[in-house]
mmCIF file of all heavy atoms, coordinates in Angstrom:
data_MODEL
# 
_entry.id   MODEL 
# 
loop_
_atom_site.group_PDB 
_atom_site.id 
_atom_site.type_symbol 
_atom_site.label_atom_id 
_atom_site.label_alt_id 
_atom_site.label_comp_id 
_atom_site.label_asym_id 
_atom_site.label_entity_id 
_atom_site.label_seq_id 
_atom_site.pdbx_PDB_ins_code 
_atom_site.Cartn_x 
_atom_site.Cartn_y 
_atom_site.Cartn_z 
_atom_site.occupancy 
_atom_site.B_iso_or_equiv 
_atom_site.pdbx_formal_charge 
_atom_site.auth_seq_id 
_atom_site.auth_comp_id 
_atom_site.auth_asym_id 
_atom_site.auth_atom_id 
_atom_site.pdbx_PDB_model_num 
ATOM 1   N N   . TRP A 1 1  ? 62.748 -68.143 -1.603  1.00 0.00 ? 1  TRP A N   1 
ATOM 2   C CA  . TRP A 1 1  ? 64.093 -68.727 -1.882  1.00 0.00 ? 1  TRP A CA  1 
ATOM 3   C C   . TRP A 1 1  ? 64.063 -69.896 -2.929  1.00 0.00 ? 1  TRP A C   1 
ATOM 4   O O   . TRP A 1 1  ? 64.831 -69.830 -3.865  1.00 0.00 ? 1  TRP A O   1 
ATOM 5   C CB  . TRP A 1 1  ? 64.676 -69.185 -0.627  1.00 0.00 ? 1  TRP A CB  1 
ATOM 6   C CG  . TRP A 1 1  ? 66.081 -69.678 -0.869  1.00 0.00 ? 1  TRP A CG  1 
ATOM 7   C CD1 . TRP A 1 1  ? 66.559 -70.989 -0.809  1.00 0.00 ? 1  TRP A CD1 1 
ATOM 8   C CD2 . TRP A 1 1  ? 67.368 -68.786 -1.069  1.00 0.00 ? 1  TRP A CD2 1 
ATOM 9   N NE1 . TRP A 1 1  ? 67.891 -70.958 -1.024  1.00 0.00 ? 1  TRP A NE1 1 
ATOM 10  C CE2 . TRP A 1 1  ? 68.410 -69.777 -1.251  1.00 0.00 ? 1  TRP A CE2 1 
ATOM 11  C CE3 . TRP A 1 1  ? 67.483 -67.309 -1.105  1.00 0.00 ? 1  TRP A CE3 1 
ATOM 12  C CZ2 . TRP A 1 1  ? 69.718 -69.132 -1.429  1.00 0.00 ? 1  TRP A CZ2 1 
ATOM 13  C CZ3 . TRP A 1 1  ? 68.762 -66.986 -1.407  1.00 0.00 ? 1  TRP A CZ3 1 
ATOM 14  C CH2 . TRP A 1 1  ? 69.788 -67.881 -1.515  1.00 0.00 ? 1  TRP A CH2 1 
ATOM 15  N N   . GLN A 1 2  ? 63.234 -70.814 -2.825  1.00 0.00 ? 2  GLN A N   1 
ATOM 16  C CA  . GLN A 1 2  ? 63.107 -71.926 -3.662  1.00 0.00 ? 2  GLN A CA  1 
ATOM 17  C C   . GLN A 1 2  ? 62.695 -71.650 -5.133  1.00 0.00 ? 2  GLN A C   1 
ATOM 18  O O   . GLN A 1 2  ? 63.134 -72.267 -6.120  1.00 0.00 ? 2  GLN A O   1 
ATOM 19  C CB  . GLN A 1 2  ? 62.076 -73.025 -3.137  1.00 0.00 ? 2  GLN A CB  1 
ATOM 20  C CG  . GLN A 1 2  ? 62.739 -73.754 -1.905  1.00 0.00 ? 2  GLN A CG  1 
ATOM 21  C CD  . GLN A 1 2  ? 61.640 -74.565 -1.080  1.00 0.00 ? 2  GLN A CD  1 
ATOM 22  O OE1 . GLN A 1 2  ? 60.512 -74.453 -1.454  1.00 0.00 ? 2  GLN A OE1 1 
ATOM 23  N NE2 . GLN A 1 2  ? 62.125 -75.298 -0.046  1.00 0.00 ? 2  GLN A NE2 1 
ATOM 24  N N   . GLN A 1 3  ? 61.887 -70.603 -5.183  1.00 0.00 ? 3  GLN A N   1 
ATOM 25  C CA  . GLN A 1 3  ? 61.304 -70.189 -6.497  1.00 0.00 ? 3  GLN A CA  1 
ATOM 26  C C   . GLN A 1 3  ? 62.011 -68.828 -6.948  1.00 0.00 ? 3  GLN A C   1 
ATOM 27  O O   . GLN A 1 3  ? 61.271 -68.122 -7.710  1.00 0.00 ? 3  GLN A O   1 
ATOM 28  C CB  . GLN A 1 3  ? 59.878 -70.118 -6.434  1.00 0.00 ? 3  GLN A CB  1 
ATOM 29  C CG  . GLN A 1 3  ? 59.135 -71.589 -6.130  1.00 0.00 ? 3  GLN A CG  1 
ATOM 30  C CD  . GLN A 1 3  ? 57.696 -71.492 -5.921  1.00 0.00 ? 3  GLN A CD  1 
ATOM 31  O OE1 . GLN A 1 3  ? 57.174 -70.451 -6.230  1.00 0.00 ? 3  GLN A OE1 1 
ATOM 32  N NE2 . GLN A 1 3  ? 57.150 -72.547 -5.484  1.00 0.00 ? 3  GLN A NE2 1 
ATOM 33  N N   . ARG A 1 4  ? 63.089 -68.523 -6.423  1.00 0.00 ? 4  ARG A N   1 
ATOM 34  C CA  . ARG A 1 4  ? 63.675 -67.199 -6.626  1.00 0.00 ? 4  ARG A CA  1 
ATOM 35  C C   . ARG A 1 4  ? 63.770 -66.851 -8.176  1.00 0.00 ? 4  ARG A C   1 
ATOM 36  O O   . ARG A 1 4  ? 63.734 -65.663 -8.473  1.00 0.00 ? 4  ARG A O   1 
ATOM 37  C CB  . ARG A 1 4  ? 64.907 -67.030 -6.024  1.00 0.00 ? 4  ARG A CB  1 
ATOM 38  C CG  . ARG A 1 4  ? 65.998 -67.976 -6.348  1.00 0.00 ? 4  ARG A CG  1 
ATOM 39  C CD  . ARG A 1 4  ? 67.260 -67.870 -5.551  1.00 0.00 ? 4  ARG A CD  1 
ATOM 40  N NE  . ARG A 1 4  ? 68.222 -68.841 -5.777  1.00 0.00 ? 4  ARG A NE  1 
ATOM 41  C CZ  . ARG A 1 4  ? 68.256 -70.093 -5.253  1.00 0.00 ? 4  ARG A CZ  1 
ATOM 42  N NH1 . ARG A 1 4  ? 67.258 -70.413 -4.424  1.00 0.00 ? 4  ARG A NH1 1 
ATOM 43  N NH2 . ARG A 1 4  ? 69.072 -71.035 -5.571  1.00 0.00 ? 4  ARG A NH2 1 
ATOM 44  N N   . LEU A 1 5  ? 64.041 -67.797 -8.909  1.00 0.00 ? 5  LEU A N   1 
ATOM 45  C CA  . LEU A 1 5  ? 64.240 -67.579 -10.454 1.00 0.00 ? 5  LEU A CA  1 
ATOM 46  C C   . LEU A 1 5  ? 62.899 -67.293 -11.027 1.00 0.00 ? 5  LEU A C   1 
ATOM 47  O O   . LEU A 1 5  ? 62.770 -66.566 -12.135 1.00 0.00 ? 5  LEU A O   1 
ATOM 48  C CB  . LEU A 1 5  ? 64.925 -68.540 -11.134 1.00 0.00 ? 5  LEU A CB  1 
ATOM 49  C CG  . LEU A 1 5  ? 66.416 -68.888 -10.710 1.00 0.00 ? 5  LEU A CG  1 
ATOM 50  C CD1 . LEU A 1 5  ? 66.979 -69.967 -11.445 1.00 0.00 ? 5  LEU A CD1 1 
ATOM 51  C CD2 . LEU A 1 5  ? 67.220 -67.540 -10.851 1.00 0.00 ? 5  LEU A CD2 1 
ATOM 52  N N   . LYS A 1 6  ? 61.755 -67.732 -10.482 1.00 0.00 ? 6  LYS A N   1 
ATOM 53  C CA  . LYS A 1 6  ? 60.509 -67.566 -10.990 1.00 0.00 ? 6  LYS A CA  1 
ATOM 54  C C   . LYS A 1 6  ? 59.714 -66.421 -10.447 1.00 0.00 ? 6  LYS A C   1 
ATOM 55  O O   . LYS A 1 6  ? 58.665 -66.002 -10.752 1.00 0.00 ? 6  LYS A O   1 
ATOM 56  C CB  . LYS A 1 6  ? 59.469 -68.867 -10.849 1.00 0.00 ? 6  LYS A CB  1 
ATOM 57  C CG  . LYS A 1 6  ? 60.092 -70.006 -11.469 1.00 0.00 ? 6  LYS A CG  1 
ATOM 58  C CD  . LYS A 1 6  ? 59.299 -71.194 -11.238 1.00 0.00 ? 6  LYS A CD  1 
ATOM 59  C CE  . LYS A 1 6  ? 59.779 -72.558 -11.702 1.00 0.00 ? 6  LYS A CE  1 
ATOM 60  N NZ  . LYS A 1 6  ? 59.150 -73.676 -11.228 1.00 0.00 ? 6  LYS A NZ  1 
ATOM 61  N N   . PHE A 1 7  ? 60.188 -65.867 -9.239  1.00 0.00 ? 7  PHE A N   1 
ATOM 62  C CA  . PHE A 1 7  ? 59.585 -64.752 -8.518  1.00 0.00 ? 7  PHE A CA  1 
ATOM 63  C C   . PHE A 1 7  ? 59.734 -63.435 -9.414  1.00 0.00 ? 7  PHE A C   1 
ATOM 64  O O   . PHE A 1 7  ? 60.749 -62.852 -9.474  1.00 0.00 ? 7  PHE A O   1 
ATOM 65  C CB  . PHE A 1 7  ? 60.381 -64.522 -7.239  1.00 0.00 ? 7  PHE A CB  1 
ATOM 66  C CG  . PHE A 1 7  ? 59.593 -63.699 -6.256  1.00 0.00 ? 7  PHE A CG  1 
ATOM 67  C CD1 . PHE A 1 7  ? 58.470 -64.187 -5.497  1.00 0.00 ? 7  PHE A CD1 1 
ATOM 68  C CD2 . PHE A 1 7  ? 59.965 -62.406 -5.908  1.00 0.00 ? 7  PHE A CD2 1 
ATOM 69  C CE1 . PHE A 1 7  ? 57.787 -63.481 -4.642  1.00 0.00 ? 7  PHE A CE1 1 
ATOM 70  C CE2 . PHE A 1 7  ? 59.383 -61.690 -4.954  1.00 0.00 ? 7  PHE A CE2 1 
ATOM 71  C CZ  . PHE A 1 7  ? 58.173 -62.140 -4.314  1.00 0.00 ? 7  PHE A CZ  1 
ATOM 72  N N   . GLU A 1 8  ? 58.614 -63.107 -9.855  1.00 0.00 ? 8  GLU A N   1 
ATOM 73  C CA  . GLU A 1 8  ? 58.564 -61.829 -10.763 1.00 0.00 ? 8  GLU A CA  1 
ATOM 74  C C   . GLU A 1 8  ? 57.430 -60.942 -10.246 1.00 0.00 ? 8  GLU A C   1 
ATOM 75  O O   . GLU A 1 8  ? 56.274 -60.873 -10.753 1.00 0.00 ? 8  GLU A O   1 
ATOM 76  C CB  . GLU A 1 8  ? 58.177 -62.343 -12.195 1.00 0.00 ? 8  GLU A CB  1 
ATOM 77  C CG  . GLU A 1 8  ? 59.309 -63.162 -12.942 1.00 0.00 ? 8  GLU A CG  1 
ATOM 78  C CD  . GLU A 1 8  ? 60.484 -62.308 -13.328 1.00 0.00 ? 8  GLU A CD  1 
ATOM 79  O OE1 . GLU A 1 8  ? 60.375 -61.039 -13.527 1.00 0.00 ? 8  GLU A OE1 1 
ATOM 80  O OE2 . GLU A 1 8  ? 61.659 -62.960 -13.469 1.00 0.00 ? 8  GLU A OE2 1 
ATOM 81  N N   . PRO A 1 9  ? 57.708 -60.099 -9.444  1.00 0.00 ? 9  PRO A N   1 
ATOM 82  C CA  . PRO A 1 9  ? 56.761 -59.119 -8.910  1.00 0.00 ? 9  PRO A CA  1 
ATOM 83  C C   . PRO A 1 9  ? 56.704 -57.779 -9.704  1.00 0.00 ? 9  PRO A C   1 
ATOM 84  O O   . PRO A 1 9  ? 56.272 -56.704 -9.314  1.00 0.00 ? 9  PRO A O   1 
ATOM 85  C CB  . PRO A 1 9  ? 57.333 -58.724 -7.481  1.00 0.00 ? 9  PRO A CB  1 
ATOM 86  C CG  . PRO A 1 9  ? 58.613 -59.047 -7.560  1.00 0.00 ? 9  PRO A CG  1 
ATOM 87  C CD  . PRO A 1 9  ? 58.985 -60.097 -8.556  1.00 0.00 ? 9  PRO A CD  1 
ATOM 88  N N   . HIS A 1 10 ? 57.087 -57.892 -10.982 1.00 0.00 ? 10 HIS A N   1 
ATOM 89  C CA  . HIS A 1 10 ? 57.214 -56.640 -11.819 1.00 0.00 ? 10 HIS A CA  1 
ATOM 90  C C   . HIS A 1 10 ? 55.798 -56.082 -12.042 1.00 0.00 ? 10 HIS A C   1 
ATOM 91  O O   . HIS A 1 10 ? 55.735 -54.766 -12.321 1.00 0.00 ? 10 HIS A O   1 
ATOM 92  C CB  . HIS A 1 10 ? 57.902 -56.792 -13.110 1.00 0.00 ? 10 HIS A CB  1 
ATOM 93  C CG  . HIS A 1 10 ? 59.301 -57.272 -12.945 1.00 0.00 ? 10 HIS A CG  1 
ATOM 94  N ND1 . HIS A 1 10 ? 60.190 -56.530 -12.301 1.00 0.00 ? 10 HIS A ND1 1 
ATOM 95  C CD2 . HIS A 1 10 ? 60.012 -58.418 -13.176 1.00 0.00 ? 10 HIS A CD2 1 
ATOM 96  C CE1 . HIS A 1 10 ? 61.514 -57.037 -12.215 1.00 0.00 ? 10 HIS A CE1 1 
ATOM 97  N NE2 . HIS A 1 10 ? 61.270 -58.335 -12.605 1.00 0.00 ? 10 HIS A NE2 1 
ATOM 98  N N   . THR A 1 11 ? 54.764 -56.823 -12.067 1.00 0.00 ? 11 THR A N   1 
ATOM 99  C CA  . THR A 1 11 ? 53.429 -56.273 -12.346 1.00 0.00 ? 11 THR A CA  1 
ATOM 100 C C   . THR A 1 11 ? 52.833 -55.522 -11.099 1.00 0.00 ? 11 THR A C   1 
ATOM 101 O O   . THR A 1 11 ? 51.906 -54.822 -11.349 1.00 0.00 ? 11 THR A O   1 
ATOM 102 C CB  . THR A 1 11 ? 52.409 -57.318 -12.880 1.00 0.00 ? 11 THR A CB  1 
ATOM 103 O OG1 . THR A 1 11 ? 52.396 -58.403 -11.743 1.00 0.00 ? 11 THR A OG1 1 
ATOM 104 C CG2 . THR A 1 11 ? 52.969 -57.918 -14.119 1.00 0.00 ? 11 THR A CG2 1 
ATOM 105 N N   . GLU A 1 12 ? 53.377 -55.872 -9.942  1.00 0.00 ? 12 GLU A N   1 
ATOM 106 C CA  . GLU A 1 12 ? 52.981 -55.176 -8.737  1.00 0.00 ? 12 GLU A CA  1 
ATOM 107 C C   . GLU A 1 12 ? 54.225 -55.041 -7.840  1.00 0.00 ? 12 GLU A C   1 
ATOM 108 O O   . GLU A 1 12 ? 55.186 -55.607 -8.063  1.00 0.00 ? 12 GLU A O   1 
ATOM 109 C CB  . GLU A 1 12 ? 51.811 -55.932 -8.045  1.00 0.00 ? 12 GLU A CB  1 
ATOM 110 C CG  . GLU A 1 12 ? 52.098 -57.406 -7.890  1.00 0.00 ? 12 GLU A CG  1 
ATOM 111 C CD  . GLU A 1 12 ? 50.855 -58.184 -7.570  1.00 0.00 ? 12 GLU A CD  1 
ATOM 112 O OE1 . GLU A 1 12 ? 49.727 -57.840 -7.932  1.00 0.00 ? 12 GLU A OE1 1 
ATOM 113 O OE2 . GLU A 1 12 ? 51.012 -59.220 -6.929  1.00 0.00 ? 12 GLU A OE2 1 
ATOM 114 N N   . THR A 1 13 ? 54.002 -54.372 -6.785  1.00 0.00 ? 13 THR A N   1 
ATOM 115 C CA  . THR A 1 13 ? 55.144 -54.165 -5.846  1.00 0.00 ? 13 THR A CA  1 
ATOM 116 C C   . THR A 1 13 ? 55.555 -55.543 -5.223  1.00 0.00 ? 13 THR A C   1 
ATOM 117 O O   . THR A 1 13 ? 54.702 -56.400 -4.990  1.00 0.00 ? 13 THR A O   1 
ATOM 118 C CB  . THR A 1 13 ? 54.776 -53.134 -4.703  1.00 0.00 ? 13 THR A CB  1 
ATOM 119 O OG1 . THR A 1 13 ? 53.809 -53.706 -3.882  1.00 0.00 ? 13 THR A OG1 1 
ATOM 120 C CG2 . THR A 1 13 ? 54.515 -51.755 -5.369  1.00 0.00 ? 13 THR A CG2 1 
ATOM 121 N N   . VAL A 1 14 ? 56.695 -55.691 -4.710  1.00 0.00 ? 14 VAL A N   1 
ATOM 122 C CA  . VAL A 1 14 ? 57.107 -56.835 -3.961  1.00 0.00 ? 14 VAL A CA  1 
ATOM 123 C C   . VAL A 1 14 ? 56.296 -56.970 -2.618  1.00 0.00 ? 14 VAL A C   1 
ATOM 124 O O   . VAL A 1 14 ? 55.675 -58.121 -2.379  1.00 0.00 ? 14 VAL A O   1 
ATOM 125 C CB  . VAL A 1 14 ? 58.573 -56.735 -3.611  1.00 0.00 ? 14 VAL A CB  1 
ATOM 126 C CG1 . VAL A 1 14 ? 59.003 -57.779 -2.596  1.00 0.00 ? 14 VAL A CG1 1 
ATOM 127 C CG2 . VAL A 1 14 ? 59.564 -56.585 -4.750  1.00 0.00 ? 14 VAL A CG2 1 
ATOM 128 N N   . ARG A 1 15 ? 55.922 -55.935 -2.029  1.00 0.00 ? 15 ARG A N   1 
ATOM 129 C CA  . ARG A 1 15 ? 55.038 -55.986 -0.835  1.00 0.00 ? 15 ARG A CA  1 
ATOM 130 C C   . ARG A 1 15 ? 53.654 -56.758 -1.157  1.00 0.00 ? 15 ARG A C   1 
ATOM 131 O O   . ARG A 1 15 ? 53.245 -57.514 -0.410  1.00 0.00 ? 15 ARG A O   1 
ATOM 132 C CB  . ARG A 1 15 ? 54.859 -54.596 -0.318  1.00 0.00 ? 15 ARG A CB  1 
ATOM 133 C CG  . ARG A 1 15 ? 53.912 -54.615 0.992   1.00 0.00 ? 15 ARG A CG  1 
ATOM 134 C CD  . ARG A 1 15 ? 53.772 -53.128 1.402   1.00 0.00 ? 15 ARG A CD  1 
ATOM 135 N NE  . ARG A 1 15 ? 52.769 -53.080 2.332   1.00 0.00 ? 15 ARG A NE  1 
ATOM 136 C CZ  . ARG A 1 15 ? 52.388 -52.032 2.941   1.00 0.00 ? 15 ARG A CZ  1 
ATOM 137 N NH1 . ARG A 1 15 ? 52.742 -50.939 2.624   1.00 0.00 ? 15 ARG A NH1 1 
ATOM 138 N NH2 . ARG A 1 15 ? 51.413 -52.189 3.974   1.00 0.00 ? 15 ARG A NH2 1 
ATOM 139 N N   . VAL A 1 16 ? 53.172 -56.152 -2.261  1.00 0.00 ? 16 VAL A N   1 
ATOM 140 C CA  . VAL A 1 16 ? 51.777 -56.871 -2.595  1.00 0.00 ? 16 VAL A CA  1 
ATOM 141 C C   . VAL A 1 16 ? 51.915 -58.322 -3.017  1.00 0.00 ? 16 VAL A C   1 
ATOM 142 O O   . VAL A 1 16 ? 51.062 -59.072 -2.675  1.00 0.00 ? 16 VAL A O   1 
ATOM 143 C CB  . VAL A 1 16 ? 51.207 -55.965 -3.827  1.00 0.00 ? 16 VAL A CB  1 
ATOM 144 C CG1 . VAL A 1 16 ? 49.910 -56.693 -4.396  1.00 0.00 ? 16 VAL A CG1 1 
ATOM 145 C CG2 . VAL A 1 16 ? 50.775 -54.617 -3.307  1.00 0.00 ? 16 VAL A CG2 1 
ATOM 146 N N   . THR A 1 17 ? 53.062 -58.519 -3.683  1.00 0.00 ? 17 THR A N   1 
ATOM 147 C CA  . THR A 1 17 ? 53.265 -60.004 -4.122  1.00 0.00 ? 17 THR A CA  1 
ATOM 148 C C   . THR A 1 17 ? 53.409 -60.814 -2.874  1.00 0.00 ? 17 THR A C   1 
ATOM 149 O O   . THR A 1 17 ? 52.914 -62.081 -2.764  1.00 0.00 ? 17 THR A O   1 
ATOM 150 C CB  . THR A 1 17 ? 54.464 -60.084 -4.931  1.00 0.00 ? 17 THR A CB  1 
ATOM 151 O OG1 . THR A 1 17 ? 54.275 -59.224 -6.109  1.00 0.00 ? 17 THR A OG1 1 
ATOM 152 C CG2 . THR A 1 17 ? 54.755 -61.521 -5.388  1.00 0.00 ? 17 THR A CG2 1 
ATOM 153 N N   . LEU A 1 18 ? 54.145 -60.443 -1.892  1.00 0.00 ? 18 LEU A N   1 
ATOM 154 C CA  . LEU A 1 18 ? 54.390 -61.098 -0.630  1.00 0.00 ? 18 LEU A CA  1 
ATOM 155 C C   . LEU A 1 18 ? 53.002 -61.422 0.155   1.00 0.00 ? 18 LEU A C   1 
ATOM 156 O O   . LEU A 1 18 ? 52.657 -62.394 0.559   1.00 0.00 ? 18 LEU A O   1 
ATOM 157 C CB  . LEU A 1 18 ? 55.322 -60.449 0.224   1.00 0.00 ? 18 LEU A CB  1 
ATOM 158 C CG  . LEU A 1 18 ? 56.814 -60.505 -0.261  1.00 0.00 ? 18 LEU A CG  1 
ATOM 159 C CD1 . LEU A 1 18 ? 57.684 -59.548 0.655   1.00 0.00 ? 18 LEU A CD1 1 
ATOM 160 C CD2 . LEU A 1 18 ? 57.352 -61.819 -0.354  1.00 0.00 ? 18 LEU A CD2 1 
ATOM 161 N N   . ILE A 1 19 ? 52.230 -60.195 0.108   1.00 0.00 ? 19 ILE A N   1 
ATOM 162 C CA  . ILE A 1 19 ? 50.888 -60.273 0.882   1.00 0.00 ? 19 ILE A CA  1 
ATOM 163 C C   . ILE A 1 19 ? 49.963 -61.269 0.129   1.00 0.00 ? 19 ILE A C   1 
ATOM 164 O O   . ILE A 1 19 ? 49.296 -62.031 0.871   1.00 0.00 ? 19 ILE A O   1 
ATOM 165 C CB  . ILE A 1 19 ? 50.332 -58.913 0.882   1.00 0.00 ? 19 ILE A CB  1 
ATOM 166 C CG1 . ILE A 1 19 ? 51.005 -58.098 2.031   1.00 0.00 ? 19 ILE A CG1 1 
ATOM 167 C CG2 . ILE A 1 19 ? 48.764 -59.050 1.379   1.00 0.00 ? 19 ILE A CG2 1 
ATOM 168 C CD1 . ILE A 1 19 ? 50.663 -56.548 1.963   1.00 0.00 ? 19 ILE A CD1 1 
ATOM 169 N N   . ARG A 1 20 ? 49.884 -61.321 -1.169  1.00 0.00 ? 20 ARG A N   1 
ATOM 170 C CA  . ARG A 1 20 ? 49.080 -62.174 -1.912  1.00 0.00 ? 20 ARG A CA  1 
ATOM 171 C C   . ARG A 1 20 ? 49.463 -63.549 -1.759  1.00 0.00 ? 20 ARG A C   1 
ATOM 172 O O   . ARG A 1 20 ? 48.716 -64.562 -1.661  1.00 0.00 ? 20 ARG A O   1 
ATOM 173 C CB  . ARG A 1 20 ? 48.944 -61.728 -3.345  1.00 0.00 ? 20 ARG A CB  1 
ATOM 174 C CG  . ARG A 1 20 ? 48.177 -60.618 -3.539  1.00 0.00 ? 20 ARG A CG  1 
ATOM 175 C CD  . ARG A 1 20 ? 48.212 -60.134 -5.105  1.00 0.00 ? 20 ARG A CD  1 
ATOM 176 N NE  . ARG A 1 20 ? 47.589 -58.797 -5.225  1.00 0.00 ? 20 ARG A NE  1 
ATOM 177 C CZ  . ARG A 1 20 ? 46.636 -58.446 -6.021  1.00 0.00 ? 20 ARG A CZ  1 
ATOM 178 N NH1 . ARG A 1 20 ? 46.022 -59.348 -6.590  1.00 0.00 ? 20 ARG A NH1 1 
ATOM 179 N NH2 . ARG A 1 20 ? 46.241 -57.213 -6.130  1.00 0.00 ? 20 ARG A NH2 1 
ATOM 180 N N   . SER A 1 21 ? 50.874 -63.840 -1.720  1.00 0.00 ? 21 SER A N   1 
ATOM 181 C CA  . SER A 1 21 ? 51.313 -65.157 -1.608  1.00 0.00 ? 21 SER A CA  1 
ATOM 182 C C   . SER A 1 21 ? 51.061 -65.666 -0.192  1.00 0.00 ? 21 SER A C   1 
ATOM 183 O O   . SER A 1 21 ? 50.768 -66.867 -0.072  1.00 0.00 ? 21 SER A O   1 
ATOM 184 C CB  . SER A 1 21 ? 52.874 -65.140 -1.779  1.00 0.00 ? 21 SER A CB  1 
ATOM 185 O OG  . SER A 1 21 ? 53.104 -64.772 -3.197  1.00 0.00 ? 21 SER A OG  1 
ATOM 186 N N   . LEU A 1 22 ? 51.057 -64.817 0.719   1.00 0.00 ? 22 LEU A N   1 
ATOM 187 C CA  . LEU A 1 22 ? 50.747 -65.175 2.153   1.00 0.00 ? 22 LEU A CA  1 
ATOM 188 C C   . LEU A 1 22 ? 49.369 -65.523 2.315   1.00 0.00 ? 22 LEU A C   1 
ATOM 189 O O   . LEU A 1 22 ? 48.945 -66.547 2.931   1.00 0.00 ? 22 LEU A O   1 
ATOM 190 C CB  . LEU A 1 22 ? 51.154 -63.998 3.158   1.00 0.00 ? 22 LEU A CB  1 
ATOM 191 C CG  . LEU A 1 22 ? 50.919 -64.323 4.744   1.00 0.00 ? 22 LEU A CG  1 
ATOM 192 C CD1 . LEU A 1 22 ? 51.862 -65.455 5.108   1.00 0.00 ? 22 LEU A CD1 1 
ATOM 193 C CD2 . LEU A 1 22 ? 51.081 -63.119 5.437   1.00 0.00 ? 22 LEU A CD2 1 
ATOM 194 N N   . GLU A 1 23 ? 48.375 -64.763 1.686   1.00 0.00 ? 23 GLU A N   1 
ATOM 195 C CA  . GLU A 1 23 ? 47.069 -65.090 1.716   1.00 0.00 ? 23 GLU A CA  1 
ATOM 196 C C   . GLU A 1 23 ? 46.709 -66.403 1.105   1.00 0.00 ? 23 GLU A C   1 
ATOM 197 O O   . GLU A 1 23 ? 46.072 -67.348 1.574   1.00 0.00 ? 23 GLU A O   1 
ATOM 198 C CB  . GLU A 1 23 ? 46.172 -64.084 0.889   1.00 0.00 ? 23 GLU A CB  1 
ATOM 199 C CG  . GLU A 1 23 ? 46.105 -62.736 1.451   1.00 0.00 ? 23 GLU A CG  1 
ATOM 200 C CD  . GLU A 1 23 ? 45.525 -61.724 0.464   1.00 0.00 ? 23 GLU A CD  1 
ATOM 201 O OE1 . GLU A 1 23 ? 45.451 -61.869 -0.606  1.00 0.00 ? 23 GLU A OE1 1 
ATOM 202 O OE2 . GLU A 1 23 ? 45.260 -60.610 1.100   1.00 0.00 ? 23 GLU A OE2 1 
ATOM 203 N N   . HIS A 1 24 ? 47.446 -66.741 0.018   1.00 0.00 ? 24 HIS A N   1 
ATOM 204 C CA  . HIS A 1 24 ? 47.287 -68.129 -0.702  1.00 0.00 ? 24 HIS A CA  1 
ATOM 205 C C   . HIS A 1 24 ? 47.809 -69.198 0.349   1.00 0.00 ? 24 HIS A C   1 
ATOM 206 O O   . HIS A 1 24 ? 47.035 -70.288 0.407   1.00 0.00 ? 24 HIS A O   1 
ATOM 207 C CB  . HIS A 1 24 ? 47.939 -68.091 -1.994  1.00 0.00 ? 24 HIS A CB  1 
ATOM 208 C CG  . HIS A 1 24 ? 47.992 -69.439 -2.721  1.00 0.00 ? 24 HIS A CG  1 
ATOM 209 N ND1 . HIS A 1 24 ? 46.784 -69.781 -3.404  1.00 0.00 ? 24 HIS A ND1 1 
ATOM 210 C CD2 . HIS A 1 24 ? 48.855 -70.464 -2.789  1.00 0.00 ? 24 HIS A CD2 1 
ATOM 211 C CE1 . HIS A 1 24 ? 46.994 -70.965 -3.956  1.00 0.00 ? 24 HIS A CE1 1 
ATOM 212 N NE2 . HIS A 1 24 ? 48.289 -71.279 -3.585  1.00 0.00 ? 24 HIS A NE2 1 
# 
């Protein structure tokens, strides 16, 4: 939500982006 304008999962799926972010 806070970074919604920067959230750019175009290089991978939204699901993968969420999983990688959660790992971090």
